[in-house]
Amino acid sequence: MLSPDAKKMGAVNTVVIKNNKHIGYNTDAKGAFLAIEKKLKKIEKEDHVLILGAGGAARAIIYECFKECKNITILN
């Protein structure tokens, strides 16, 4: 079973066992966003974002980023 976000991202990096069920989550985006907000700034609607890479972690970050802004460039 996958969390709704992990299913949409197509990437899992954490598995939690609850009531004998394995549930896949992705924590990459949350961690990246916390780091960006702490060191740089909050991503806002009018921002332009550059993502380097297109692997599982990048897909998770792109997914979360797209919730905040639509100006995303991906270089792979």
Protein backbone atom coordinates (compact mmCIF):
# COMPACT_ATOMS: atom_id res chain seq x y z
CA MET A 1 0.00 0.00 0.00
CA LEU A 2 1.23 3.52 -0.79
CA SER A 3 0.37 6.88 0.71
CA PRO A 4 -1.56 9.04 -1.77
CA ASP A 5 1.45 11.36 -2.24
CA ALA A 6 3.92 8.49 -2.75
CA LYS A 7 1.59 6.96 -5.33
CA LYS A 8 1.38 10.24 -7.28
CA MET A 9 5.15 10.82 -7.03
CA GLY A 10 6.02 7.31 -8.14
CA ALA A 11 8.73 7.09 -5.47
CA VAL A 12 8.95 5.61 -1.96
CA ASN A 13 11.81 5.97 0.52
CA THR A 14 10.15 5.00 3.80
CA VAL A 15 7.99 2.02 4.74
CA VAL A 16 5.92 2.01 7.92
CA ILE A 17 4.23 -1.10 9.28
CA LYS A 18 0.83 -0.34 10.83
CA ASN A 19 -1.57 -3.09 11.88
CA ASN A 20 0.50 -5.65 9.91
CA LYS A 21 0.21 -3.54 6.74
CA HIS A 22 3.21 -2.04 4.94
CA ILE A 23 2.64 1.56 3.87
CA GLY A 24 5.10 3.33 1.56
CA TYR A 25 5.78 7.04 2.04
CA ASN A 26 8.12 9.57 0.51
CA THR A 27 9.89 12.03 2.84
CA ASP A 28 12.27 13.58 0.27
CA ALA A 29 10.08 16.54 -0.63
CA LYS A 30 9.23 17.47 2.95
CA GLY A 31 12.92 17.39 3.90
CA ALA A 32 13.94 19.40 0.86
CA PHE A 33 11.27 22.03 1.44
CA LEU A 34 12.26 22.43 5.10
CA ALA A 35 15.89 22.95 4.05
CA ILE A 36 14.97 25.43 1.29
CA GLU A 37 12.74 27.45 3.59
CA LYS A 38 15.33 27.44 6.37
CA LYS A 39 18.31 28.44 4.19
CA LEU A 40 16.68 30.41 1.34
CA LYS A 41 13.00 31.34 1.36
CA LYS A 42 9.49 29.96 1.07
CA ILE A 43 8.64 28.96 -2.50
CA GLU A 44 5.82 31.15 -3.76
CA LYS A 45 3.47 31.15 -6.74
CA GLU A 46 5.48 33.65 -8.82
CA ASP A 47 8.88 31.98 -8.23
CA HIS A 48 10.89 30.17 -10.89
CA VAL A 49 12.40 26.89 -9.71
CA LEU A 50 15.25 24.91 -11.27
CA ILE A 51 15.50 21.20 -10.44
CA LEU A 52 18.72 19.38 -11.31
CA GLY A 53 18.01 15.69 -11.86
CA ALA A 54 14.93 13.58 -12.48
CA GLY A 55 15.31 10.56 -10.21
CA GLY A 56 13.04 9.52 -7.36
CA ALA A 57 14.05 12.34 -5.00
CA ALA A 58 13.73 14.92 -7.78
CA ARG A 59 10.27 13.61 -8.74
CA ALA A 60 9.15 13.97 -5.13
CA ILE A 61 10.49 17.52 -4.91
CA ILE A 62 8.93 18.45 -8.27
CA TYR A 63 5.58 17.08 -7.08
CA GLU A 64 5.65 19.22 -3.92
CA CYS A 65 7.02 22.24 -5.79
CA PHE A 66 4.20 22.07 -8.32
CA LYS A 67 1.72 22.55 -5.47
CA GLU A 68 3.27 25.96 -4.79
CA CYS A 69 4.33 27.24 -8.22
CA LYS A 70 4.06 26.26 -11.88
CA ASN A 71 7.33 27.81 -13.15
CA ILE A 72 9.56 24.74 -12.88
CA THR A 73 12.49 23.84 -15.12
CA ILE A 74 13.98 20.34 -14.91
CA LEU A 75 17.51 19.59 -16.16
CA ASN A 76 18.52 15.95 -16.28
